[in-house]
């Protein structure tokens, strides 16, 4: 697979994944210091999905995901500074400090959240795709959700209408094995989740989520099908989170040996190995990338620390209401 991608692509993947890894590690540290409050779900271990999706899509394509959203948002173009400020609850955050960890938004770059209700983004993702089809664009919506959300009834309703209307949407199950803390084997008779697509005659595939190459290839096939009016695809991207479901997860449902076994397939290290062995990337070049990433993360923390809190009058702003709504009766 490695020979099919250029040095520039591997450099892009490496720097992006390293940024996401270091950003999330810093977030975990700051959470422990109580700089970041509330729930917090880290993406560490799953970075190859974000990297492969970015090189397989266009800037105008839309992304929507669940509450493990910081890394995917940054990959799509939400700045590390505004993301960190949002995690701090500051006014300069991408959601004005009102969303926090689970509700990162960047509509200007095509990132539509960050959704806290399990599976809620599945229907909304199809809605994003419907909007693109209605407007006559060739853009595609990528709708990410976890293996736990695959149990929601919303999935079946959405799959049915998405296929019926041939919506340009790619449904992506980021299967990290354990939902909140229960294995797929204990919650479903169907262990290969991509087979859920079969009931709707929807194309489905299983993808190695620890390989940005495999993710890129699978997503590219799916988005090309969508752009060519072929409708949706379900991709089960098998990945692994190195940390718990959230920062408060004791992780008693898996062994340390299992975690270490997956770390041996680490996507960041894999891409670095390709760059060193096939493209002869020097230690000096690696150091430049490392320092650039370190600076971005440090600057994001400084920005968040120095940013103001939202004013009290922000409480009732940005609340959706249509003042001339015609269907209210006394």
Protein backbone atom coordinates (compact mmCIF):
# COMPACT_ATOMS: atom_id res chain seq x y z
CA UNK A 1 0.00 0.00 0.00
CA UNK A 2 2.78 2.44 0.91
CA UNK A 3 4.08 2.81 -2.64
CA UNK A 4 0.69 4.13 -3.82
CA UNK A 5 0.96 7.35 -1.85
CA UNK A 6 3.43 10.20 -2.25
CA UNK A 7 5.87 11.50 0.32
CA UNK A 8 3.75 14.66 0.55
CA UNK A 9 0.68 12.61 1.49
CA UNK A 10 2.57 10.72 4.19
CA UNK A 11 4.01 13.98 5.52
CA UNK A 12 0.51 15.44 5.68
CA UNK A 13 -0.82 12.35 7.48
CA UNK A 14 2.09 12.28 9.91
CA UNK A 15 1.90 15.93 10.93
CA UNK A 16 -1.88 15.89 11.19
CA UNK A 17 -1.97 12.71 13.29
CA UNK A 18 0.87 13.93 15.49
CA UNK A 19 -0.98 17.20 16.07
CA UNK A 20 -4.17 15.36 16.99
CA UNK A 21 -2.25 13.00 19.31
CA UNK A 22 -0.36 15.78 21.11
CA UNK A 23 -3.46 17.97 21.34
CA UNK A 24 -5.50 15.20 22.92
CA UNK A 25 -2.69 14.27 25.29
CA UNK A 26 -2.55 17.89 26.43
CA UNK A 27 -6.34 17.93 26.83
CA UNK A 28 -6.12 14.88 29.09
CA UNK A 29 -3.44 16.59 31.17
CA UNK A 30 -5.46 19.80 31.47
CA UNK A 31 -8.56 17.84 32.43
CA UNK A 32 -6.62 16.33 35.30
CA UNK A 33 -5.68 19.86 36.36
CA UNK A 34 -9.40 20.83 36.25
CA UNK A 35 -8.76 23.43 33.58
CA UNK A 36 -11.30 21.53 31.47
CA UNK A 37 -14.55 20.47 33.12
CA UNK A 38 -17.49 18.25 32.33
CA UNK A 39 -17.29 15.19 30.11
CA UNK A 40 -14.24 14.66 27.91
CA UNK A 41 -13.72 11.92 25.32
CA UNK A 42 -10.26 11.54 23.74
CA UNK A 43 -9.49 10.34 20.20
CA UNK A 44 -6.06 8.89 20.99
CA UNK A 45 -5.48 5.78 18.85
CA UNK A 46 -8.11 6.63 16.22
CA UNK A 47 -6.16 9.32 14.34
CA UNK A 48 -5.79 7.31 11.12
CA UNK A 49 -9.52 7.71 10.47
CA UNK A 50 -9.32 11.50 10.51
CA UNK A 51 -6.18 11.49 8.36
CA UNK A 52 -7.50 9.09 5.71
CA UNK A 53 -10.84 10.86 5.50
CA UNK A 54 -9.21 14.24 4.93
CA UNK A 55 -7.17 13.13 1.90
CA UNK A 56 -10.16 11.31 0.40
CA UNK A 57 -12.59 14.24 0.57
CA UNK A 58 -12.95 17.81 -0.68
CA UNK A 59 -12.96 20.96 1.42
CA UNK A 60 -16.68 21.53 0.71
CA UNK A 61 -17.73 18.09 1.95
CA UNK A 62 -19.54 18.07 5.30
CA UNK A 63 -18.50 16.18 8.46
CA UNK A 64 -20.71 15.40 11.45
CA UNK A 65 -19.86 13.19 14.41
CA UNK A 66 -20.63 12.25 18.00
CA UNK A 67 -19.05 13.68 21.15
CA UNK A 68 -15.52 12.30 20.60
CA UNK A 69 -15.09 15.27 18.33
CA UNK A 70 -12.03 17.46 19.07
CA UNK A 71 -9.60 15.70 16.75
CA UNK A 72 -11.95 15.33 13.80
CA UNK A 73 -12.87 19.01 14.11
CA UNK A 74 -9.22 20.08 14.01
CA UNK A 75 -8.57 17.80 11.03
CA UNK A 76 -11.51 19.42 9.17
CA UNK A 77 -10.17 22.91 9.81
CA UNK A 78 -11.40 24.15 13.17
CA UNK A 79 -8.29 25.76 14.66
CA UNK A 80 -6.56 24.22 17.69
CA UNK A 81 -6.85 27.60 19.42
CA UNK A 82 -10.63 27.88 19.08
CA UNK A 83 -11.03 24.20 19.96
CA UNK A 84 -8.97 24.51 23.14
CA UNK A 85 -10.78 27.71 24.08
CA UNK A 86 -14.08 25.87 23.68
CA UNK A 87 -12.84 23.10 25.93
CA UNK A 88 -12.03 25.77 28.52
CA UNK A 89 -15.52 27.26 28.07
CA UNK A 90 -14.11 30.58 26.89
CA UNK A 91 -15.88 33.18 24.73
CA UNK A 92 -13.31 32.72 21.94
CA UNK A 93 -14.19 29.04 21.58
CA UNK A 94 -15.60 27.76 18.32
CA UNK A 95 -19.02 27.40 20.01
CA UNK A 96 -18.58 30.62 22.03
CA UNK A 97 -17.82 28.61 25.16
CA UNK A 98 -21.36 27.22 25.24
CA UNK A 99 -20.70 23.72 23.97
CA UNK A 100 -17.57 22.46 25.64
CA UNK A 101 -15.88 19.17 24.80
CA UNK A 102 -18.90 17.41 23.31
CA UNK A 103 -20.17 20.21 21.06
CA UNK A 104 -17.29 21.41 18.90
CA UNK A 105 -18.66 23.16 15.79
CA UNK A 106 -17.06 24.78 12.76
CA UNK A 107 -19.81 25.44 10.24
CA UNK A 108 -17.50 27.70 8.20
CA UNK A 109 -15.24 24.69 7.48
CA UNK A 110 -18.07 22.18 7.08
CA UNK A 111 -17.89 20.64 10.56
CA UNK A 112 -21.35 20.25 12.06
CA UNK A 113 -20.57 18.85 15.51
CA UNK A 114 -20.11 17.36 18.15
CA UNK A 115 -23.46 15.70 19.26
CA UNK A 116 -24.07 14.46 22.79
CA UNK A 117 -27.18 12.34 22.17
CA UNK A 118 -26.08 8.88 21.04
CA UNK A 119 -26.96 8.37 17.38
CA UNK A 120 -28.60 11.79 16.93
CA UNK A 121 -26.09 12.80 14.28
CA UNK A 122 -27.06 9.87 12.04
CA UNK A 123 -30.33 11.48 11.01
CA UNK A 124 -28.79 14.94 10.89
CA UNK A 125 -25.96 13.61 8.70
CA UNK A 126 -28.50 12.36 6.20
CA UNK A 127 -30.14 15.79 6.40
CA UNK A 128 -26.84 17.45 5.48
CA UNK A 129 -26.61 15.13 2.48
CA UNK A 130 -30.20 15.92 1.50
CA UNK A 131 -29.37 19.64 1.57
CA UNK A 132 -26.45 19.10 -0.81
CA UNK A 133 -28.60 17.04 -3.18
CA UNK A 134 -31.38 19.64 -3.01
CA UNK A 135 -28.94 22.42 -3.89
CA UNK A 136 -27.52 20.42 -6.78
CA UNK A 137 -23.93 20.30 -5.52
CA UNK A 138 -21.59 17.33 -5.80
CA UNK A 139 -20.65 17.55 -2.12
CA UNK A 140 -20.87 14.56 0.21
CA UNK A 141 -21.70 14.31 3.92
CA UNK A 142 -19.57 12.03 6.08
CA UNK A 143 -21.53 10.91 9.13
CA UNK A 144 -19.41 9.38 11.91
CA UNK A 145 -20.79 7.39 14.84
CA UNK A 146 -19.57 4.73 17.24
CA UNK A 147 -20.37 1.05 17.48
CA UNK A 148 -22.70 1.80 20.39
CA UNK A 149 -24.79 4.16 18.29
CA UNK A 150 -25.29 1.40 15.73
CA UNK A 151 -27.94 0.01 18.14
CA UNK A 152 -30.15 3.09 17.83
CA UNK A 153 -33.42 2.95 15.92
CA UNK A 154 -32.47 6.22 14.25
CA UNK A 155 -29.93 4.27 12.18
CA UNK A 156 -32.54 2.08 10.53
CA UNK A 157 -34.95 4.89 9.75
CA UNK A 158 -32.12 6.93 8.28
CA UNK A 159 -30.63 4.08 6.25
CA UNK A 160 -34.03 3.39 4.71
CA UNK A 161 -34.68 6.94 3.55
CA UNK A 162 -31.04 7.57 2.55
CA UNK A 163 -31.18 4.61 0.18
CA UNK A 164 -34.66 5.46 -1.05
CA UNK A 165 -33.56 8.99 -1.97
CA UNK A 166 -29.99 8.00 -2.92
CA UNK A 167 -28.53 10.65 -0.64
CA UNK A 168 -24.81 11.52 -1.00
CA UNK A 169 -23.81 10.35 2.47
CA UNK A 170 -21.09 8.05 3.80
CA UNK A 171 -22.01 6.46 7.11
CA UNK A 172 -18.87 5.66 9.09
CA UNK A 173 -18.94 3.41 12.14
CA UNK A 174 -15.81 4.12 14.15
CA UNK A 175 -15.85 0.70 15.77
CA UNK A 176 -13.49 0.89 18.73
CA UNK A 177 -14.96 -2.32 20.17
CA UNK A 178 -16.51 -1.22 23.43
CA UNK A 179 -19.13 1.54 23.00
CA UNK A 180 -19.13 3.09 26.49
CA UNK A 181 -17.78 -0.04 28.11
CA UNK A 182 -19.57 -3.06 26.68
CA UNK A 183 -18.13 -5.14 23.85
CA UNK A 184 -19.90 -5.51 20.53
CA UNK A 185 -20.15 -9.26 21.16
CA UNK A 186 -22.32 -8.63 24.23
CA UNK A 187 -24.73 -6.27 22.48
CA UNK A 188 -25.23 -7.65 18.99
CA UNK A 189 -25.62 -10.93 17.16
CA UNK A 190 -24.11 -9.16 14.14
CA UNK A 191 -20.43 -8.69 14.89
CA UNK A 192 -19.55 -7.33 11.44
CA UNK A 193 -21.43 -4.08 11.68
CA UNK A 194 -21.03 -3.21 7.99
CA UNK A 195 -23.48 -6.03 7.28
CA UNK A 196 -26.26 -3.86 8.71
CA UNK A 197 -26.24 -2.22 5.29
CA UNK A 198 -27.35 -5.45 3.62
CA UNK A 199 -30.97 -5.04 4.72
CA UNK A 200 -31.19 -1.86 2.65
CA UNK A 201 -29.15 -2.98 -0.38
CA UNK A 202 -26.61 -0.38 0.70
CA UNK A 203 -22.95 -1.00 -0.18
CA UNK A 204 -20.93 -1.80 2.95
CA UNK A 205 -17.34 -2.60 3.74
CA UNK A 206 -14.96 -3.33 6.61
CA UNK A 207 -11.86 -1.12 6.88
CA UNK A 208 -8.64 -1.27 8.90
CA UNK A 209 -8.92 1.88 11.00
CA UNK A 210 -5.29 1.75 12.10
CA UNK A 211 -4.17 2.35 8.50
CA UNK A 212 -4.65 5.79 6.90
CA UNK A 213 -4.02 4.13 3.53
CA UNK A 214 -6.94 1.73 3.93
CA UNK A 215 -9.20 4.47 5.29
CA UNK A 216 -8.33 6.76 2.38
CA UNK A 217 -9.03 4.10 -0.24
CA UNK A 218 -12.35 3.01 1.29
CA UNK A 219 -13.63 6.55 1.85
CA UNK A 220 -12.56 7.62 -1.63
CA UNK A 221 -14.56 4.78 -3.19
CA UNK A 222 -17.58 5.74 -1.11
CA UNK A 223 -17.48 9.48 -1.81
CA UNK A 224 -16.96 8.85 -5.52
CA UNK A 225 -20.03 6.61 -5.53
CA UNK A 226 -22.01 9.35 -3.77
CA UNK A 227 -20.83 12.06 -6.19
CA UNK A 228 -21.88 9.86 -9.10
CA UNK A 229 -25.45 9.67 -7.71
CA UNK A 230 -24.92 6.13 -6.42
CA UNK A 231 -26.24 6.90 -2.96
CA UNK A 232 -24.91 6.06 0.51
CA UNK A 233 -22.29 3.62 1.76
CA UNK A 234 -21.73 2.12 5.21
CA UNK A 235 -18.09 1.78 6.25
CA UNK A 236 -17.22 -0.07 9.42
CA UNK A 237 -13.79 1.32 10.27
CA UNK A 238 -12.27 -0.92 12.92
CA UNK A 239 -10.12 1.11 15.28
CA UNK A 240 -9.13 1.27 18.94
CA UNK A 241 -9.08 3.96 21.58
CA UNK A 242 -6.05 3.85 23.85
CA UNK A 243 -7.85 5.77 26.58
CA UNK A 244 -11.22 5.04 28.14
CA UNK A 245 -14.62 6.00 26.81
CA UNK A 246 -14.27 9.22 28.79
CA UNK A 247 -11.80 10.58 31.30
CA UNK A 248 -13.79 8.98 34.14
CA UNK A 249 -13.71 5.47 32.64
CA UNK A 250 -11.92 2.88 34.86
CA UNK A 251 -11.60 0.55 31.81
CA UNK A 252 -12.30 -2.65 33.72
CA UNK A 253 -13.77 -4.29 30.62
CA UNK A 254 -10.40 -4.82 28.90
CA UNK A 255 -6.86 -5.85 29.79
CA UNK A 256 -3.72 -3.75 29.66
CA UNK A 257 -2.19 -6.41 27.40
CA UNK A 258 -4.96 -5.85 24.86
CA UNK A 259 -4.29 -2.11 24.81
CA UNK A 260 -0.56 -2.69 24.35
CA UNK A 261 -1.25 -5.12 21.51
CA UNK A 262 -3.13 -2.43 19.60
CA UNK A 263 -0.44 0.15 20.34
CA UNK A 264 1.97 -2.05 18.37
CA UNK A 265 -0.13 -1.11 15.31
CA UNK A 266 -0.05 2.59 16.15
CA UNK A 267 -0.92 4.64 13.02
CA UNK A 268 1.38 7.54 13.88
CA UNK A 269 4.37 5.24 14.25
CA UNK A 270 3.39 3.33 11.10
CA UNK A 271 3.41 6.47 8.96
CA UNK A 272 6.67 7.66 10.51
CA UNK A 273 8.24 4.29 9.68
CA UNK A 274 7.16 4.60 6.03
CA UNK A 275 8.62 8.11 5.86
CA UNK A 276 11.91 6.96 7.33
CA UNK A 277 12.32 3.73 5.38
CA UNK A 278 10.79 4.55 2.00
CA UNK A 279 11.22 8.30 1.77
CA UNK A 280 14.40 8.67 3.85
CA UNK A 281 12.99 11.36 6.11
CA UNK A 282 15.85 12.69 8.22
CA UNK A 283 15.89 13.22 11.97
CA UNK A 284 16.25 16.95 11.34
CA UNK A 285 13.05 16.98 9.24
CA UNK A 286 11.23 15.00 11.92
CA UNK A 287 12.36 17.47 14.57
CA UNK A 288 11.00 20.39 12.54
CA UNK A 289 7.57 18.74 12.38
CA UNK A 290 7.68 17.82 16.07
CA UNK A 291 8.52 21.38 17.09
CA UNK A 292 5.86 22.85 14.81
CA UNK A 293 3.21 20.61 16.38
CA UNK A 294 4.46 21.37 19.90
CA UNK A 295 4.22 25.09 19.22
CA UNK A 296 0.64 24.79 17.92
CA UNK A 297 -0.48 22.93 21.02
CA UNK A 298 1.30 25.32 23.39
CA UNK A 299 -0.18 28.34 21.59
CA UNK A 300 -3.67 26.83 21.82
CA UNK A 301 -3.32 26.49 25.59
CA UNK A 302 -2.00 30.02 25.96
CA UNK A 303 -4.86 31.34 23.82
CA UNK A 304 -7.42 29.52 25.97
CA UNK A 305 -5.82 30.66 29.22
CA UNK A 306 -5.78 34.30 28.13
CA UNK A 307 -9.26 34.36 26.57
CA UNK A 308 -12.22 35.91 28.43
CA UNK A 309 -15.19 34.05 29.84
CA UNK A 310 -18.53 34.60 28.07
CA UNK A 311 -20.61 37.54 29.33
CA UNK A 312 -23.73 36.75 31.33
CA UNK A 313 -25.92 38.17 28.57
CA UNK A 314 -24.73 35.38 26.25
CA UNK A 315 -26.99 32.96 28.11
CA UNK A 316 -30.05 33.65 25.97
CA UNK A 317 -28.25 34.35 22.71
CA UNK A 318 -27.99 31.79 19.89
CA UNK A 319 -31.10 30.00 21.15
CA UNK A 320 -33.16 29.06 18.11
CA UNK A 321 -36.58 30.69 17.99
CA UNK A 322 -38.70 31.96 15.11
CA UNK A 323 -40.59 34.97 16.43
CA UNK A 324 -43.24 34.86 13.70
CA UNK A 325 -43.76 31.10 13.94
CA UNK A 326 -47.27 30.62 12.42
CA UNK A 327 -48.40 27.45 14.21
CA UNK A 328 -48.66 28.66 17.80
CA UNK A 329 -52.23 28.88 19.07
CA UNK A 330 -53.52 30.17 22.38
